[in-house]
């Protein structure tokens, strides 16, 4: 089994504050392809962002994560239960869930084991939705600077799992009947440089860089370089391209 590494305990509060929120359209689309709404499981639930959306539609939602701090910072709701657990090995009964979701977390899992566990847990005819987002876009000039920072400055500090995310989960084990995924919009936020700084600081690569270079904050240097282009007190539209791998258990 792949070793469990909790990469988000130290950034759980900033993760909750600065990570962008998914548009409701992606959950509406997922629910359009879900038959029943009794029970949902959100794997790698983090701050509970996905679980909160699901709680509006499902009778009960369970969010699981290996990070106790993330769960402690998760948004609560009376029909959501948060449990500290791996996604690949759970104590739930066979064919218990109508929907299983994984938002921006699948690449951290033991992919073979999770595929088998998800198949075991999902009811026949149930839906699984694995989704995420890649590097954001603003405009050509800013994107060029962000790309340089992403690939050249902190590129060597990304975990190897990042490649799985960049490939949009296209090559992960998936023993489900694939559903075409159209009908939702990209995630868009309006951020100033302070919000951008906070978000980039949640990247695992940045945290790894800082451990290796504790006297140098590469994100602060990026912000200084961006200041004249972005505008010091200016909010800009930041767009995150969302991808979705959607399937049903036959």
C-alpha atoms as a PDB file:
ATOM      1  CA  UNK A   1       0.000   0.000   0.000  1.00  0.00           C
ATOM      2  CA  UNK A   2       1.207   3.507  -0.809  1.00  0.00           C
ATOM      3  CA  UNK A   3       2.591   5.341   2.218  1.00  0.00           C
ATOM      4  CA  UNK A   4       0.267   7.866   3.829  1.00  0.00           C
ATOM      5  CA  UNK A   5       1.738  11.375   3.881  1.00  0.00           C
ATOM      6  CA  UNK A   6      -0.276  14.221   5.370  1.00  0.00           C
ATOM      7  CA  UNK A   7       0.827  17.210   3.288  1.00  0.00           C
ATOM      8  CA  UNK A   8      -1.830  19.676   4.434  1.00  0.00           C
ATOM      9  CA  UNK A   9      -1.882  19.696   8.246  1.00  0.00           C
ATOM     10  CA  UNK A  10       0.421  22.710   8.519  1.00  0.00           C
ATOM     11  CA  UNK A  11      -1.590  24.689   5.936  1.00  0.00           C
ATOM     12  CA  UNK A  12      -5.125  23.601   6.884  1.00  0.00           C
ATOM     13  CA  UNK A  13      -6.321  27.044   8.024  1.00  0.00           C
ATOM     14  CA  UNK A  14      -4.817  28.897   5.043  1.00  0.00           C
ATOM     15  CA  UNK A  15      -6.087  26.122   2.750  1.00  0.00           C
ATOM     16  CA  UNK A  16      -9.621  26.820   3.936  1.00  0.00           C
ATOM     17  CA  UNK A  17      -9.180  30.586   3.600  1.00  0.00           C
ATOM     18  CA  UNK A  18      -7.476  30.822   0.221  1.00  0.00           C
ATOM     19  CA  UNK A  19      -8.470  27.803  -1.883  1.00  0.00           C
ATOM     20  CA  UNK A  20     -11.068  28.719  -4.551  1.00  0.00           C
ATOM     21  CA  UNK A  21     -14.579  27.300  -4.258  1.00  0.00           C
ATOM     22  CA  UNK A  22     -16.098  25.091  -6.948  1.00  0.00           C
ATOM     23  CA  UNK A  23     -19.053  26.513  -8.890  1.00  0.00           C
ATOM     24  CA  UNK A  24     -22.430  24.969  -8.056  1.00  0.00           C
ATOM     25  CA  UNK A  25     -22.800  24.000 -11.726  1.00  0.00           C
ATOM     26  CA  UNK A  26     -20.365  21.091 -11.398  1.00  0.00           C
ATOM     27  CA  UNK A  27     -22.403  19.601  -8.549  1.00  0.00           C
ATOM     28  CA  UNK A  28     -25.639  20.169 -10.430  1.00  0.00           C
ATOM     29  CA  UNK A  29     -24.153  18.283 -13.359  1.00  0.00           C
ATOM     30  CA  UNK A  30     -22.935  15.431 -11.142  1.00  0.00           C
ATOM     31  CA  UNK A  31     -26.375  15.161  -9.513  1.00  0.00           C
ATOM     32  CA  UNK A  32     -28.043  15.069 -12.921  1.00  0.00           C
ATOM     33  CA  UNK A  33     -26.089  11.853 -13.460  1.00  0.00           C
ATOM     34  CA  UNK A  34     -26.895  10.399 -10.022  1.00  0.00           C
ATOM     35  CA  UNK A  35     -29.952   8.199  -9.503  1.00  0.00           C
ATOM     36  CA  UNK A  36     -30.474   8.238  -5.734  1.00  0.00           C
ATOM     37  CA  UNK A  37     -29.659  10.718  -2.999  1.00  0.00           C
ATOM     38  CA  UNK A  38     -29.496   8.764   0.243  1.00  0.00           C
ATOM     39  CA  UNK A  39     -25.755   8.603   0.981  1.00  0.00           C
ATOM     40  CA  UNK A  40     -22.649  10.282  -0.450  1.00  0.00           C
ATOM     41  CA  UNK A  41     -18.972   9.826   0.366  1.00  0.00           C
ATOM     42  CA  UNK A  42     -16.466  12.630  -0.203  1.00  0.00           C
ATOM     43  CA  UNK A  43     -12.906  11.281  -0.211  1.00  0.00           C
ATOM     44  CA  UNK A  44     -10.004  13.577   0.649  1.00  0.00           C
ATOM     45  CA  UNK A  45     -12.628  15.993   1.910  1.00  0.00           C
ATOM     46  CA  UNK A  46     -10.111  18.556   3.173  1.00  0.00           C
ATOM     47  CA  UNK A  47     -11.994  21.617   4.395  1.00  0.00           C
ATOM     48  CA  UNK A  48     -15.362  20.084   3.501  1.00  0.00           C
ATOM     49  CA  UNK A  49     -16.015  22.311   0.503  1.00  0.00           C
ATOM     50  CA  UNK A  50     -17.444  19.459  -1.588  1.00  0.00           C
ATOM     51  CA  UNK A  51     -19.269  17.865   1.353  1.00  0.00           C
ATOM     52  CA  UNK A  52     -21.155  21.105   1.999  1.00  0.00           C
ATOM     53  CA  UNK A  53     -22.425  21.153  -1.579  1.00  0.00           C
ATOM     54  CA  UNK A  54     -23.491  17.508  -1.371  1.00  0.00           C
ATOM     55  CA  UNK A  55     -25.299  18.057   1.932  1.00  0.00           C
ATOM     56  CA  UNK A  56     -27.845  20.239   0.133  1.00  0.00           C
ATOM     57  CA  UNK A  57     -28.947  17.274  -1.971  1.00  0.00           C
ATOM     58  CA  UNK A  58     -28.184  14.080  -0.023  1.00  0.00           C
ATOM     59  CA  UNK A  59     -29.773  12.804   3.176  1.00  0.00           C
ATOM     60  CA  UNK A  60     -26.373  12.008   4.642  1.00  0.00           C
ATOM     61  CA  UNK A  61     -22.814  12.843   3.615  1.00  0.00           C
ATOM     62  CA  UNK A  62     -19.591  11.378   5.002  1.00  0.00           C
ATOM     63  CA  UNK A  63     -16.328  13.212   4.427  1.00  0.00           C
ATOM     64  CA  UNK A  64     -13.063  11.367   5.004  1.00  0.00           C
ATOM     65  CA  UNK A  65      -9.491  12.669   5.114  1.00  0.00           C
ATOM     66  CA  UNK A  66      -6.179  11.558   6.602  1.00  0.00           C
ATOM     67  CA  UNK A  67      -5.570  15.053   8.012  1.00  0.00           C
ATOM     68  CA  UNK A  68      -7.153  15.607  11.407  1.00  0.00           C
ATOM     69  CA  UNK A  69      -6.422  19.324  11.172  1.00  0.00           C
ATOM     70  CA  UNK A  70      -8.196  19.582   7.846  1.00  0.00           C
ATOM     71  CA  UNK A  71     -11.255  17.867   9.300  1.00  0.00           C
ATOM     72  CA  UNK A  72     -11.145  20.139  12.355  1.00  0.00           C
ATOM     73  CA  UNK A  73     -11.258  23.112   9.972  1.00  0.00           C
ATOM     74  CA  UNK A  74     -14.021  21.655   7.799  1.00  0.00           C
ATOM     75  CA  UNK A  75     -17.397  23.330   7.471  1.00  0.00           C
ATOM     76  CA  UNK A  76     -20.052  21.605   9.543  1.00  0.00           C
ATOM     77  CA  UNK A  77     -23.638  20.720   8.715  1.00  0.00           C
ATOM     78  CA  UNK A  78     -26.118  18.546  10.600  1.00  0.00           C
ATOM     79  CA  UNK A  79     -26.162  15.845   7.903  1.00  0.00           C
ATOM     80  CA  UNK A  80     -22.369  15.696   7.398  1.00  0.00           C
ATOM     81  CA  UNK A  81     -20.095  13.370   9.361  1.00  0.00           C
ATOM     82  CA  UNK A  82     -16.329  13.796   9.113  1.00  0.00           C
ATOM     83  CA  UNK A  83     -14.037  10.833   9.759  1.00  0.00           C
ATOM     84  CA  UNK A  84     -10.247  10.621   9.831  1.00  0.00           C
ATOM     85  CA  UNK A  85      -9.581   7.810   7.356  1.00  0.00           C
ATOM     86  CA  UNK A  86      -7.728   6.766   4.255  1.00  0.00           C
ATOM     87  CA  UNK A  87      -9.854   6.608   1.124  1.00  0.00           C
ATOM     88  CA  UNK A  88      -8.342   3.310  -0.036  1.00  0.00           C
ATOM     89  CA  UNK A  89      -9.243   1.320   3.113  1.00  0.00           C
ATOM     90  CA  UNK A  90     -12.518   2.094   4.900  1.00  0.00           C
ATOM     91  CA  UNK A  91     -14.891   0.396   7.329  1.00  0.00           C
ATOM     92  CA  UNK A  92     -18.074   1.053   5.352  1.00  0.00           C
ATOM     93  CA  UNK A  93     -20.344  -1.733   4.167  1.00  0.00           C
ATOM     94  CA  UNK A  94     -20.360  -3.025   0.589  1.00  0.00           C
ATOM     95  CA  UNK A  95     -22.506  -1.037  -1.857  1.00  0.00           C
ATOM     96  CA  UNK A  96     -23.341   1.614   0.718  1.00  0.00           C
ATOM     97  CA  UNK A  97     -23.072   4.862  -1.251  1.00  0.00           C
ATOM     98  CA  UNK A  98     -25.084   6.393  -4.095  1.00  0.00           C
ATOM     99  CA  UNK A  99     -22.274   8.810  -4.952  1.00  0.00           C
ATOM    100  CA  UNK A 100     -18.536   8.954  -4.323  1.00  0.00           C
ATOM    101  CA  UNK A 101     -16.676  12.213  -4.977  1.00  0.00           C
ATOM    102  CA  UNK A 102     -12.989  13.123  -4.984  1.00  0.00           C
ATOM    103  CA  UNK A 103     -12.152  16.804  -5.416  1.00  0.00           C
ATOM    104  CA  UNK A 104      -8.520  17.733  -6.147  1.00  0.00           C
ATOM    105  CA  UNK A 105      -7.257  14.723  -4.172  1.00  0.00           C
ATOM    106  CA  UNK A 106      -7.270  11.550  -6.284  1.00  0.00           C
ATOM    107  CA  UNK A 107      -3.622  11.925  -7.303  1.00  0.00           C
ATOM    108  CA  UNK A 108      -2.562  11.526  -3.642  1.00  0.00           C
ATOM    109  CA  UNK A 109      -4.249   8.125  -3.306  1.00  0.00           C
ATOM    110  CA  UNK A 110      -2.984   4.630  -3.975  1.00  0.00           C
ATOM    111  CA  UNK A 111      -4.807   4.540  -7.294  1.00  0.00           C
ATOM    112  CA  UNK A 112      -5.210   0.783  -7.707  1.00  0.00           C
ATOM    113  CA  UNK A 113      -6.460   0.303  -4.156  1.00  0.00           C
ATOM    114  CA  UNK A 114      -8.828   3.250  -4.306  1.00  0.00           C
ATOM    115  CA  UNK A 115     -10.326   2.039  -7.560  1.00  0.00           C
ATOM    116  CA  UNK A 116     -11.126  -1.326  -5.942  1.00  0.00           C
ATOM    117  CA  UNK A 117     -12.430   0.243  -2.732  1.00  0.00           C
ATOM    118  CA  UNK A 118     -14.650   2.706  -4.589  1.00  0.00           C
ATOM    119  CA  UNK A 119     -16.085  -0.131  -6.656  1.00  0.00           C
ATOM    120  CA  UNK A 120     -16.822  -2.064  -3.461  1.00  0.00           C
ATOM    121  CA  UNK A 121     -18.485   0.873  -1.721  1.00  0.00           C
ATOM    122  CA  UNK A 122     -20.603   2.144  -4.608  1.00  0.00           C
ATOM    123  CA  UNK A 123     -24.112   0.827  -5.109  1.00  0.00           C
ATOM    124  CA  UNK A 124     -24.946  -0.754  -8.440  1.00  0.00           C
ATOM    125  CA  UNK A 125     -25.949   2.132 -10.669  1.00  0.00           C
ATOM    126  CA  UNK A 126     -24.163   4.564  -8.363  1.00  0.00           C
ATOM    127  CA  UNK A 127     -22.011   7.436  -9.593  1.00  0.00           C
ATOM    128  CA  UNK A 128     -18.367   8.320  -8.999  1.00  0.00           C
ATOM    129  CA  UNK A 129     -17.031  11.790  -9.760  1.00  0.00           C
ATOM    130  CA  UNK A 130     -13.311  12.611  -9.650  1.00  0.00           C
ATOM    131  CA  UNK A 131     -12.541  16.223 -10.481  1.00  0.00           C
ATOM    132  CA  UNK A 132      -9.988  18.948 -10.035  1.00  0.00           C
ATOM    133  CA  UNK A 133      -8.363  21.976 -11.561  1.00  0.00           C
ATOM    134  CA  UNK A 134      -4.993  22.818 -13.025  1.00  0.00           C
ATOM    135  CA  UNK A 135      -2.934  25.986 -13.215  1.00  0.00           C
ATOM    136  CA  UNK A 136      -5.042  29.148 -13.361  1.00  0.00           C
ATOM    137  CA  UNK A 137      -5.050  31.769 -16.106  1.00  0.00           C
ATOM    138  CA  UNK A 138      -5.342  35.558 -15.990  1.00  0.00           C
ATOM    139  CA  UNK A 139      -3.925  37.062 -19.198  1.00  0.00           C
ATOM    140  CA  UNK A 140      -0.983  36.360 -21.496  1.00  0.00           C
ATOM    141  CA  UNK A 141       1.507  38.625 -19.714  1.00  0.00           C
ATOM    142  CA  UNK A 142       0.669  37.419 -16.201  1.00  0.00           C
ATOM    143  CA  UNK A 143       0.325  33.794 -17.313  1.00  0.00           C
ATOM    144  CA  UNK A 144       3.873  33.857 -18.673  1.00  0.00           C
ATOM    145  CA  UNK A 145       5.231  34.920 -15.293  1.00  0.00           C
ATOM    146  CA  UNK A 146       3.120  32.392 -13.406  1.00  0.00           C
ATOM    147  CA  UNK A 147       4.179  29.605 -15.768  1.00  0.00           C
ATOM    148  CA  UNK A 148       7.848  30.437 -15.208  1.00  0.00           C
ATOM    149  CA  UNK A 149       7.331  30.329 -11.451  1.00  0.00           C
ATOM    150  CA  UNK A 150       5.322  27.076 -11.649  1.00  0.00           C
ATOM    151  CA  UNK A 151       7.680  25.144 -13.929  1.00  0.00           C
ATOM    152  CA  UNK A 152      11.117  26.677 -13.361  1.00  0.00           C
ATOM    153  CA  UNK A 153      11.247  28.185  -9.882  1.00  0.00           C
ATOM    154  CA  UNK A 154       9.291  25.599  -7.890  1.00  0.00           C
ATOM    155  CA  UNK A 155       8.971  22.926 -10.581  1.00  0.00           C
ATOM    156  CA  UNK A 156      11.629  20.662  -8.998  1.00  0.00           C
ATOM    157  CA  UNK A 157       9.739  20.770  -5.685  1.00  0.00           C
ATOM    158  CA  UNK A 158       6.440  19.339  -6.930  1.00  0.00           C
ATOM    159  CA  UNK A 159       5.599  15.800  -5.799  1.00  0.00           C
ATOM    160  CA  UNK A 160       5.517  13.247  -8.596  1.00  0.00           C
ATOM    161  CA  UNK A 161       1.739  12.931  -8.062  1.00  0.00           C
ATOM    162  CA  UNK A 162       1.300  16.385  -9.577  1.00  0.00           C
ATOM    163  CA  UNK A 163       1.776  14.834 -13.028  1.00  0.00           C
ATOM    164  CA  UNK A 164      -1.360  12.726 -12.504  1.00  0.00           C
ATOM    165  CA  UNK A 165      -3.316  15.910 -11.844  1.00  0.00           C
ATOM    166  CA  UNK A 166      -1.821  17.673 -14.856  1.00  0.00           C
ATOM    167  CA  UNK A 167      -2.969  14.712 -16.996  1.00  0.00           C
ATOM    168  CA  UNK A 168      -6.506  15.339 -15.676  1.00  0.00           C
ATOM    169  CA  UNK A 169      -6.770  11.782 -14.270  1.00  0.00           C
ATOM    170  CA  UNK A 170      -6.964  10.388 -17.806  1.00  0.00           C
ATOM    171  CA  UNK A 171      -4.706   7.409 -17.081  1.00  0.00           C
ATOM    172  CA  UNK A 172      -5.836   6.367 -13.595  1.00  0.00           C
ATOM    173  CA  UNK A 173      -7.478   2.952 -12.962  1.00  0.00           C
ATOM    174  CA  UNK A 174     -11.226   3.410 -13.392  1.00  0.00           C
ATOM    175  CA  UNK A 175     -13.468   0.324 -13.396  1.00  0.00           C
ATOM    176  CA  UNK A 176     -16.608   2.298 -14.121  1.00  0.00           C
ATOM    177  CA  UNK A 177     -18.661   3.099 -17.202  1.00  0.00           C
ATOM    178  CA  UNK A 178     -17.480   6.544 -18.254  1.00  0.00           C
ATOM    179  CA  UNK A 179     -20.069   9.296 -18.645  1.00  0.00           C
ATOM    180  CA  UNK A 180     -19.285  12.165 -21.001  1.00  0.00           C
ATOM    181  CA  UNK A 181     -18.603  15.333 -19.050  1.00  0.00           C
ATOM    182  CA  UNK A 182     -20.053  18.506 -20.457  1.00  0.00           C
ATOM    183  CA  UNK A 183     -22.373  21.055 -18.925  1.00  0.00           C
ATOM    184  CA  UNK A 184     -20.408  22.865 -16.215  1.00  0.00           C
ATOM    185  CA  UNK A 185     -18.291  26.001 -16.181  1.00  0.00           C
ATOM    186  CA  UNK A 186     -14.737  26.754 -15.125  1.00  0.00           C
ATOM    187  CA  UNK A 187     -14.068  28.086 -11.654  1.00  0.00           C
ATOM    188  CA  UNK A 188     -13.616  31.861 -11.638  1.00  0.00           C
ATOM    189  CA  UNK A 189     -12.604  34.143  -8.767  1.00  0.00           C
ATOM    190  CA  UNK A 190     -11.753  37.827  -8.453  1.00  0.00           C
ATOM    191  CA  UNK A 191      -8.517  38.183  -6.529  1.00  0.00           C
ATOM    192  CA  UNK A 192      -6.066  40.858  -5.517  1.00  0.00           C
ATOM    193  CA  UNK A 193      -2.367  40.079  -4.984  1.00  0.00           C
ATOM    194  CA  UNK A 194      -2.868  39.273  -1.297  1.00  0.00           C
ATOM    195  CA  UNK A 195      -5.379  36.544  -2.155  1.00  0.00           C
ATOM    196  CA  UNK A 196      -3.132  35.222  -4.915  1.00  0.00           C
ATOM    197  CA  UNK A 197      -0.210  35.145  -2.478  1.00  0.00           C
ATOM    198  CA  UNK A 198      -2.272  33.176   0.042  1.00  0.00           C
ATOM    199  CA  UNK A 199      -3.426  30.662  -2.549  1.00  0.00           C
ATOM    200  CA  UNK A 200       0.030  29.988  -4.011  1.00  0.00           C
ATOM    201  CA  UNK A 201       1.372  29.525  -0.483  1.00  0.00           C
ATOM    202  CA  UNK A 202      -0.959  26.510  -0.093  1.00  0.00           C
ATOM    203  CA  UNK A 203       0.856  24.670  -2.898  1.00  0.00           C
ATOM    204  CA  UNK A 204       2.766  21.642  -1.635  1.00  0.00           C
ATOM    205  CA  UNK A 205       5.699  22.590  -3.851  1.00  0.00           C
ATOM    206  CA  UNK A 206       5.989  25.970  -2.154  1.00  0.00           C
ATOM    207  CA  UNK A 207       5.936  24.371   1.299  1.00  0.00           C
ATOM    208  CA  UNK A 208       8.653  21.934   0.208  1.00  0.00           C
ATOM    209  CA  UNK A 209      10.708  24.806  -1.228  1.00  0.00           C
ATOM    210  CA  UNK A 210      10.433  26.750   2.037  1.00  0.00           C
ATOM    211  CA  UNK A 211      11.620  23.771   4.059  1.00  0.00           C
ATOM    212  CA  UNK A 212      14.691  23.551   1.838  1.00  0.00           C
ATOM    213  CA  UNK A 213      15.198  27.350   1.690  1.00  0.00           C
ATOM    214  CA  UNK A 214      13.763  28.764   4.945  1.00  0.00           C
ATOM    215  CA  UNK A 215      15.229  32.252   4.458  1.00  0.00           C
ATOM    216  CA  UNK A 216      13.742  32.849   1.010  1.00  0.00           C
ATOM    217  CA  UNK A 217      10.056  33.165   0.154  1.00  0.00           C
ATOM    218  CA  UNK A 218       9.744  32.679  -3.630  1.00  0.00           C
ATOM    219  CA  UNK A 219       6.076  33.698  -3.586  1.00  0.00           C
ATOM    220  CA  UNK A 220       6.899  37.115  -2.117  1.00  0.00           C
ATOM    221  CA  UNK A 221       9.441  37.618  -4.880  1.00  0.00           C
ATOM    222  CA  UNK A 222       6.794  36.654  -7.456  1.00  0.00           C
ATOM    223  CA  UNK A 223       4.352  39.168  -5.953  1.00  0.00           C
ATOM    224  CA  UNK A 224       6.945  41.954  -6.210  1.00  0.00           C
ATOM    225  CA  UNK A 225       7.483  41.118  -9.876  1.00  0.00           C
ATOM    226  CA  UNK A 226       3.735  41.035 -10.497  1.00  0.00           C
ATOM    227  CA  UNK A 227       2.905  44.239  -8.661  1.00  0.00           C
ATOM    228  CA  UNK A 228       3.330  46.685 -11.542  1.00  0.00           C
ATOM    229  CA  UNK A 229       1.467  44.463 -13.983  1.00  0.00           C
ATOM    230  CA  UNK A 230      -1.353  43.311 -11.702  1.00  0.00           C
ATOM    231  CA  UNK A 231      -1.898  46.537  -9.786  1.00  0.00           C
ATOM    232  CA  UNK A 232      -1.245  46.660  -6.050  1.00  0.00           C
ATOM    233  CA  UNK A 233      -4.878  47.066  -4.946  1.00  0.00           C
ATOM    234  CA  UNK A 234      -6.501  45.664  -8.060  1.00  0.00           C
ATOM    235  CA  UNK A 235      -8.751  42.635  -8.273  1.00  0.00           C
ATOM    236  CA  UNK A 236      -8.447  40.547 -11.435  1.00  0.00           C
ATOM    237  CA  UNK A 237     -10.446  37.660 -12.823  1.00  0.00           C
ATOM    238  CA  UNK A 238      -8.589  34.403 -12.216  1.00  0.00           C
ATOM    239  CA  UNK A 239      -9.891  31.373 -14.090  1.00  0.00           C
ATOM    240  CA  UNK A 240      -9.248  27.752 -13.117  1.00  0.00           C
ATOM    241  CA  UNK A 241      -9.969  25.117 -15.802  1.00  0.00           C
ATOM    242  CA  UNK A 242     -11.974  22.318 -14.168  1.00  0.00           C
ATOM    243  CA  UNK A 243     -11.805  18.719 -15.397  1.00  0.00           C
ATOM    244  CA  UNK A 244     -14.144  15.887 -14.417  1.00  0.00           C
ATOM    245  CA  UNK A 245     -13.873  12.111 -14.648  1.00  0.00           C
ATOM    246  CA  UNK A 246     -17.414  10.803 -14.206  1.00  0.00           C
ATOM    247  CA  UNK A 247     -18.525   7.178 -14.131  1.00  0.00           C
ATOM    248  CA  UNK A 248     -21.267   4.802 -13.065  1.00  0.00           C
ATOM    249  CA  UNK A 249     -21.055   1.309 -11.578  1.00  0.00           C
ATOM    250  CA  UNK A 250     -22.743  -1.100 -13.965  1.00  0.00           C
END
